[in-house]
N, C-alpha and C. Protein backbone atom coordinates (compact mmCIF):
# COMPACT_ATOMS: atom_id res chain seq x y z
N MET A 1 -5.10 59.93 -22.14
CA MET A 1 -6.25 59.30 -21.51
C MET A 1 -6.13 57.78 -21.58
N LYS A 2 -5.66 57.23 -22.71
CA LYS A 2 -5.50 55.79 -22.84
C LYS A 2 -4.48 55.26 -21.85
N ILE A 3 -3.43 56.02 -21.61
CA ILE A 3 -2.39 55.58 -20.69
C ILE A 3 -2.95 55.51 -19.27
N LYS A 4 -3.77 56.47 -18.87
CA LYS A 4 -4.36 56.45 -17.54
C LYS A 4 -5.27 55.23 -17.37
N LEU A 5 -6.11 54.96 -18.38
CA LEU A 5 -7.01 53.82 -18.29
C LEU A 5 -6.23 52.51 -18.25
N SER A 6 -5.17 52.39 -19.03
CA SER A 6 -4.35 51.19 -19.03
C SER A 6 -3.67 50.99 -17.68
N ALA A 7 -3.18 52.07 -17.11
CA ALA A 7 -2.53 51.99 -15.80
C ALA A 7 -3.53 51.56 -14.73
N ILE A 8 -4.74 52.09 -14.80
CA ILE A 8 -5.78 51.73 -13.83
C ILE A 8 -6.15 50.25 -14.00
N ALA A 9 -6.29 49.80 -15.23
CA ALA A 9 -6.62 48.39 -15.48
C ALA A 9 -5.51 47.47 -14.97
N LEU A 10 -4.26 47.84 -15.19
CA LEU A 10 -3.13 47.05 -14.73
C LEU A 10 -3.11 47.00 -13.21
N LEU A 11 -3.34 48.12 -12.57
CA LEU A 11 -3.35 48.18 -11.11
C LEU A 11 -4.47 47.30 -10.56
N ALA A 12 -5.63 47.34 -11.17
CA ALA A 12 -6.75 46.51 -10.72
C ALA A 12 -6.40 45.03 -10.83
N CYS A 13 -5.74 44.64 -11.89
CA CYS A 13 -5.32 43.24 -12.07
C CYS A 13 -4.32 42.83 -11.01
N LEU A 14 -3.37 43.70 -10.73
CA LEU A 14 -2.34 43.37 -9.73
C LEU A 14 -2.93 43.26 -8.34
N VAL A 15 -3.94 44.05 -8.03
CA VAL A 15 -4.57 44.00 -6.72
C VAL A 15 -5.36 42.70 -6.56
N THR A 16 -6.05 42.25 -7.59
CA THR A 16 -6.87 41.04 -7.49
C THR A 16 -6.08 39.77 -7.73
N LEU A 17 -4.91 39.83 -8.31
CA LEU A 17 -4.13 38.64 -8.62
C LEU A 17 -3.78 37.81 -7.40
N PRO A 18 -3.27 38.38 -6.30
CA PRO A 18 -2.99 37.56 -5.13
C PRO A 18 -4.24 36.89 -4.57
N ALA A 19 -5.37 37.57 -4.59
CA ALA A 19 -6.60 36.99 -4.09
C ALA A 19 -6.99 35.78 -4.92
N LEU A 20 -6.83 35.85 -6.22
CA LEU A 20 -7.16 34.73 -7.09
C LEU A 20 -6.18 33.59 -6.89
N ALA A 21 -4.93 33.90 -6.65
CA ALA A 21 -3.91 32.86 -6.48
C ALA A 21 -4.15 32.07 -5.19
N ASP A 22 -4.76 32.70 -4.18
CA ASP A 22 -5.02 32.02 -2.91
C ASP A 22 -6.16 31.01 -3.02
N ARG A 23 -7.03 31.18 -4.00
CA ARG A 23 -8.18 30.30 -4.13
C ARG A 23 -7.87 29.19 -5.12
N PRO A 24 -7.97 27.94 -4.69
CA PRO A 24 -7.74 26.85 -5.63
C PRO A 24 -8.90 26.78 -6.62
N THR A 25 -8.60 26.46 -7.84
CA THR A 25 -9.64 26.39 -8.85
C THR A 25 -10.12 24.98 -9.11
N CYS A 26 -9.25 24.00 -8.86
CA CYS A 26 -9.68 22.62 -9.07
C CYS A 26 -8.86 21.69 -8.19
N LEU A 27 -9.37 20.49 -8.04
CA LEU A 27 -8.69 19.46 -7.27
C LEU A 27 -7.92 18.57 -8.24
N VAL A 28 -6.61 18.77 -8.29
CA VAL A 28 -5.76 17.99 -9.19
C VAL A 28 -5.65 16.58 -8.62
N ILE A 29 -5.95 15.61 -9.44
CA ILE A 29 -6.01 14.22 -9.00
C ILE A 29 -4.72 13.77 -8.34
N ARG A 30 -3.62 14.11 -8.92
CA ARG A 30 -2.32 13.68 -8.40
C ARG A 30 -1.98 14.34 -7.06
N GLN A 31 -2.68 15.41 -6.71
CA GLN A 31 -2.38 16.14 -5.48
C GLN A 31 -3.33 15.83 -4.33
N ILE A 32 -4.15 14.80 -4.46
CA ILE A 32 -5.06 14.44 -3.37
C ILE A 32 -4.24 13.90 -2.21
N TYR A 33 -4.49 14.47 -1.03
CA TYR A 33 -3.72 14.13 0.16
C TYR A 33 -4.55 13.31 1.16
N ASN A 34 -5.79 13.75 1.38
CA ASN A 34 -6.60 13.16 2.43
C ASN A 34 -8.07 13.42 2.12
N TRP A 35 -8.95 12.65 2.73
CA TRP A 35 -10.37 12.93 2.59
C TRP A 35 -11.14 12.39 3.78
N ASN A 36 -12.28 13.05 4.03
CA ASN A 36 -13.17 12.67 5.14
C ASN A 36 -14.59 12.59 4.62
N VAL A 37 -15.36 11.72 5.23
CA VAL A 37 -16.76 11.54 4.86
C VAL A 37 -17.63 12.47 5.69
N VAL A 38 -18.47 13.26 5.01
CA VAL A 38 -19.47 14.09 5.70
C VAL A 38 -20.73 13.25 5.87
N ASP A 39 -21.16 12.62 4.80
CA ASP A 39 -22.29 11.70 4.78
C ASP A 39 -22.08 10.78 3.58
N PRO A 40 -22.93 9.77 3.38
CA PRO A 40 -22.68 8.81 2.28
C PRO A 40 -22.67 9.42 0.87
N GLN A 41 -23.06 10.67 0.74
CA GLN A 41 -23.07 11.32 -0.57
C GLN A 41 -22.07 12.46 -0.68
N THR A 42 -21.32 12.74 0.38
CA THR A 42 -20.46 13.92 0.40
C THR A 42 -19.12 13.62 1.07
N LEU A 43 -18.04 14.04 0.40
CA LEU A 43 -16.70 13.92 0.95
C LEU A 43 -16.05 15.28 0.96
N ILE A 44 -15.16 15.51 1.91
CA ILE A 44 -14.31 16.69 1.90
C ILE A 44 -12.91 16.16 1.59
N VAL A 45 -12.38 16.59 0.47
CA VAL A 45 -11.09 16.09 -0.01
C VAL A 45 -10.07 17.22 0.10
N GLU A 46 -8.91 16.88 0.64
CA GLU A 46 -7.84 17.86 0.86
C GLU A 46 -6.68 17.56 -0.08
N ASN A 47 -6.12 18.61 -0.67
CA ASN A 47 -4.95 18.42 -1.53
C ASN A 47 -3.67 18.63 -0.73
N ILE A 48 -2.53 18.46 -1.38
CA ILE A 48 -1.24 18.56 -0.68
C ILE A 48 -0.96 19.98 -0.17
N ALA A 49 -1.64 20.98 -0.69
CA ALA A 49 -1.50 22.35 -0.20
C ALA A 49 -2.50 22.63 0.92
N HIS A 50 -3.25 21.60 1.34
CA HIS A 50 -4.25 21.66 2.40
C HIS A 50 -5.45 22.53 2.05
N SER A 51 -5.70 22.71 0.75
CA SER A 51 -6.96 23.32 0.30
C SER A 51 -8.00 22.21 0.29
N LYS A 52 -9.22 22.56 0.65
CA LYS A 52 -10.27 21.55 0.75
C LYS A 52 -11.31 21.74 -0.35
N PHE A 53 -11.87 20.62 -0.78
CA PHE A 53 -12.89 20.60 -1.82
C PHE A 53 -14.04 19.71 -1.37
N LYS A 54 -15.24 20.15 -1.69
CA LYS A 54 -16.42 19.35 -1.41
C LYS A 54 -16.72 18.52 -2.65
N VAL A 55 -16.74 17.20 -2.48
CA VAL A 55 -17.03 16.28 -3.57
C VAL A 55 -18.39 15.66 -3.28
N SER A 56 -19.35 15.94 -4.15
CA SER A 56 -20.70 15.41 -4.01
C SER A 56 -20.88 14.24 -4.97
N LEU A 57 -21.54 13.21 -4.51
CA LEU A 57 -21.78 12.02 -5.31
C LEU A 57 -23.23 12.01 -5.79
N TYR A 58 -23.50 11.24 -6.84
CA TYR A 58 -24.86 11.18 -7.37
C TYR A 58 -25.83 10.50 -6.42
N GLY A 59 -25.34 9.62 -5.59
CA GLY A 59 -26.19 8.93 -4.63
C GLY A 59 -25.34 8.45 -3.48
N PRO A 60 -25.97 7.81 -2.52
CA PRO A 60 -25.19 7.29 -1.39
C PRO A 60 -24.17 6.26 -1.87
N CYS A 61 -23.00 6.30 -1.32
CA CYS A 61 -21.93 5.37 -1.65
C CYS A 61 -21.83 4.40 -0.46
N PRO A 62 -22.31 3.18 -0.64
CA PRO A 62 -22.37 2.24 0.49
C PRO A 62 -21.02 2.02 1.17
N HIS A 63 -21.02 2.15 2.47
CA HIS A 63 -19.87 1.88 3.32
C HIS A 63 -18.66 2.77 3.05
N ILE A 64 -18.86 3.92 2.45
CA ILE A 64 -17.74 4.84 2.17
C ILE A 64 -17.11 5.33 3.48
N GLU A 65 -17.88 5.34 4.55
CA GLU A 65 -17.36 5.82 5.83
C GLU A 65 -16.24 4.95 6.39
N TYR A 66 -16.09 3.73 5.89
CA TYR A 66 -15.02 2.87 6.38
C TYR A 66 -13.68 3.16 5.71
N ASN A 67 -13.71 3.90 4.60
CA ASN A 67 -12.47 4.40 3.98
C ASN A 67 -11.45 3.28 3.73
N LEU A 68 -11.93 2.17 3.20
CA LEU A 68 -11.05 1.02 2.95
C LEU A 68 -10.65 0.96 1.48
N GLY A 69 -9.39 1.10 1.20
CA GLY A 69 -8.88 0.92 -0.15
C GLY A 69 -9.54 1.80 -1.19
N ALA A 70 -9.80 3.03 -0.86
CA ALA A 70 -10.49 3.93 -1.78
C ALA A 70 -9.50 4.57 -2.76
N ALA A 71 -10.01 4.85 -3.95
CA ALA A 71 -9.20 5.53 -4.96
C ALA A 71 -10.13 6.41 -5.79
N PHE A 72 -9.55 7.44 -6.35
CA PHE A 72 -10.28 8.32 -7.25
C PHE A 72 -9.93 7.93 -8.68
N LYS A 73 -10.94 7.63 -9.46
CA LYS A 73 -10.72 7.21 -10.84
C LYS A 73 -11.20 8.31 -11.78
N SER A 74 -10.29 8.77 -12.61
CA SER A 74 -10.61 9.84 -13.55
C SER A 74 -10.64 9.28 -14.97
N PHE A 75 -11.45 9.88 -15.78
CA PHE A 75 -11.52 9.47 -17.18
C PHE A 75 -10.74 10.42 -18.08
N SER A 76 -9.87 11.24 -17.47
CA SER A 76 -9.02 12.13 -18.25
C SER A 76 -7.79 11.37 -18.69
N ASN A 77 -6.96 12.00 -19.46
CA ASN A 77 -5.75 11.37 -19.97
C ASN A 77 -4.55 11.54 -19.05
N SER A 78 -4.70 12.27 -17.95
CA SER A 78 -3.55 12.59 -17.11
C SER A 78 -3.96 12.70 -15.66
N ASP A 79 -3.06 12.27 -14.76
CA ASP A 79 -3.34 12.44 -13.34
C ASP A 79 -3.03 13.86 -12.88
N LEU A 80 -2.64 14.71 -13.82
CA LEU A 80 -2.45 16.13 -13.52
C LEU A 80 -3.71 16.93 -13.83
N ASP A 81 -4.73 16.24 -14.29
CA ASP A 81 -6.00 16.89 -14.61
C ASP A 81 -6.82 17.05 -13.33
N CYS A 82 -7.90 17.77 -13.43
CA CYS A 82 -8.77 18.03 -12.28
C CYS A 82 -9.81 16.91 -12.13
N LEU A 83 -10.15 16.61 -10.89
CA LEU A 83 -11.24 15.70 -10.62
C LEU A 83 -12.52 16.43 -11.00
N ARG A 84 -13.44 15.74 -11.66
CA ARG A 84 -14.65 16.42 -12.14
C ARG A 84 -15.85 15.49 -12.19
N ARG A 85 -16.97 16.08 -12.54
CA ARG A 85 -18.23 15.35 -12.69
C ARG A 85 -18.01 14.16 -13.63
N GLY A 86 -18.53 13.02 -13.23
CA GLY A 86 -18.42 11.82 -14.05
C GLY A 86 -17.25 10.92 -13.64
N ASP A 87 -16.24 11.49 -12.96
CA ASP A 87 -15.17 10.65 -12.44
C ASP A 87 -15.77 9.81 -11.30
N GLN A 88 -14.98 8.91 -10.74
CA GLN A 88 -15.54 7.97 -9.77
C GLN A 88 -14.66 7.81 -8.54
N ILE A 89 -15.31 7.40 -7.46
CA ILE A 89 -14.60 6.92 -6.29
C ILE A 89 -14.83 5.41 -6.29
N VAL A 90 -13.75 4.68 -6.24
CA VAL A 90 -13.80 3.23 -6.24
C VAL A 90 -13.24 2.78 -4.90
N HIS A 91 -13.99 1.95 -4.19
CA HIS A 91 -13.48 1.51 -2.89
C HIS A 91 -14.03 0.14 -2.55
N ASN A 92 -13.35 -0.52 -1.65
CA ASN A 92 -13.79 -1.80 -1.12
C ASN A 92 -14.56 -1.55 0.15
N GLY A 93 -15.85 -1.72 0.06
CA GLY A 93 -16.67 -1.59 1.25
C GLY A 93 -16.55 -2.86 2.06
N VAL A 94 -17.52 -3.14 2.86
CA VAL A 94 -17.49 -4.34 3.69
C VAL A 94 -17.73 -5.55 2.79
N GLY A 95 -16.64 -6.10 2.25
CA GLY A 95 -16.71 -7.27 1.39
C GLY A 95 -17.15 -7.00 -0.03
N LEU A 96 -17.48 -5.78 -0.35
CA LEU A 96 -17.97 -5.46 -1.70
C LEU A 96 -17.16 -4.33 -2.30
N GLY A 97 -16.99 -4.35 -3.60
CA GLY A 97 -16.38 -3.23 -4.29
C GLY A 97 -17.46 -2.26 -4.73
N ASN A 98 -17.28 -1.01 -4.47
CA ASN A 98 -18.27 0.00 -4.85
C ASN A 98 -17.67 0.99 -5.83
N ILE A 99 -18.46 1.39 -6.80
CA ILE A 99 -18.09 2.44 -7.73
C ILE A 99 -19.13 3.53 -7.56
N CYS A 100 -18.67 4.71 -7.16
CA CYS A 100 -19.57 5.81 -6.86
C CYS A 100 -19.24 7.01 -7.75
N PRO A 101 -20.14 7.36 -8.68
CA PRO A 101 -19.87 8.48 -9.59
C PRO A 101 -19.96 9.84 -8.90
N ILE A 102 -19.07 10.74 -9.33
CA ILE A 102 -18.99 12.08 -8.77
C ILE A 102 -19.95 13.02 -9.50
N LYS A 103 -20.74 13.73 -8.73
CA LYS A 103 -21.69 14.71 -9.26
C LYS A 103 -21.06 16.08 -9.42
N SER A 104 -20.27 16.52 -8.41
CA SER A 104 -19.65 17.83 -8.48
C SER A 104 -18.43 17.90 -7.57
N VAL A 105 -17.53 18.82 -7.92
CA VAL A 105 -16.34 19.12 -7.11
C VAL A 105 -16.24 20.63 -7.04
N GLU A 106 -16.19 21.17 -5.82
CA GLU A 106 -16.12 22.62 -5.66
C GLU A 106 -15.23 22.97 -4.47
N PRO A 107 -14.59 24.12 -4.51
CA PRO A 107 -13.79 24.54 -3.35
C PRO A 107 -14.67 24.59 -2.10
N TYR A 108 -14.15 24.11 -1.00
CA TYR A 108 -14.87 24.04 0.27
C TYR A 108 -14.57 25.30 1.06
N THR A 109 -15.54 26.19 1.12
CA THR A 109 -15.35 27.49 1.75
C THR A 109 -15.60 27.40 3.27
N PRO A 110 -15.10 28.38 4.02
CA PRO A 110 -15.39 28.40 5.47
C PRO A 110 -16.90 28.45 5.75
N ALA A 111 -17.66 29.13 4.92
CA ALA A 111 -19.11 29.19 5.12
C ALA A 111 -19.74 27.81 4.94
N MET A 112 -19.26 27.06 3.96
CA MET A 112 -19.75 25.70 3.75
C MET A 112 -19.40 24.82 4.95
N GLN A 113 -18.20 25.00 5.48
CA GLN A 113 -17.76 24.22 6.62
C GLN A 113 -18.64 24.52 7.85
N GLN A 114 -18.96 25.78 8.07
CA GLN A 114 -19.83 26.15 9.20
C GLN A 114 -21.21 25.53 9.05
N THR A 115 -21.74 25.54 7.84
CA THR A 115 -23.06 24.94 7.59
C THR A 115 -23.03 23.45 7.87
N ASP A 116 -21.98 22.78 7.40
CA ASP A 116 -21.85 21.34 7.63
C ASP A 116 -21.70 21.02 9.11
N GLN A 117 -20.93 21.83 9.83
CA GLN A 117 -20.75 21.61 11.28
C GLN A 117 -22.06 21.81 12.03
N ALA A 118 -22.83 22.82 11.64
CA ALA A 118 -24.12 23.07 12.28
C ALA A 118 -25.09 21.91 12.01
N ALA A 119 -25.09 21.40 10.79
CA ALA A 119 -25.95 20.26 10.45
C ALA A 119 -25.55 19.02 11.24
N ALA A 120 -24.25 18.79 11.38
CA ALA A 120 -23.76 17.64 12.15
C ALA A 120 -24.14 17.78 13.62
N ALA A 121 -24.05 18.98 14.16
CA ALA A 121 -24.42 19.21 15.55
C ALA A 121 -25.92 18.98 15.75
N ALA A 122 -26.71 19.41 14.78
CA ALA A 122 -28.17 19.21 14.87
C ALA A 122 -28.51 17.72 14.81
N ARG A 123 -27.83 16.97 13.95
CA ARG A 123 -28.07 15.53 13.86
C ARG A 123 -27.67 14.85 15.18
N ALA A 124 -26.55 15.27 15.75
CA ALA A 124 -26.06 14.67 17.00
C ALA A 124 -27.02 14.96 18.16
N SER A 125 -27.60 16.14 18.18
CA SER A 125 -28.51 16.50 19.29
C SER A 125 -29.85 15.78 19.17
N ASN A 126 -30.20 15.33 17.96
CA ASN A 126 -31.47 14.60 17.76
C ASN A 126 -31.35 13.14 18.13
N HIS A 127 -30.14 12.66 18.34
CA HIS A 127 -29.96 11.23 18.66
C HIS A 127 -29.87 11.01 20.11
């Protein structure tokens, strides 16, 4: 009976393992490839594997939409660590340097993308 249960547990792990491997768990600082501004408090950051992450800021980051000289500043000991709450986006806005603290970093799902696109379309139709 123990052998059957162990075999079933092993099979269950093997079936779910590829699904877990496809989902990124964190945004490694050294692997940041690109990013786009959704609004002054939200960025979509892409890593070198083209996985996307939603980075939310504690408040509006002035002139972040100009994307001038921006960098991600982490307080970890390694650039192989994950970007996380409390880290910062540092950028040169229009003549000013801005430091914008990160509130959260989460994988950007297709459902989140659809919601953001619908919100952008609604904002565009109101103008």
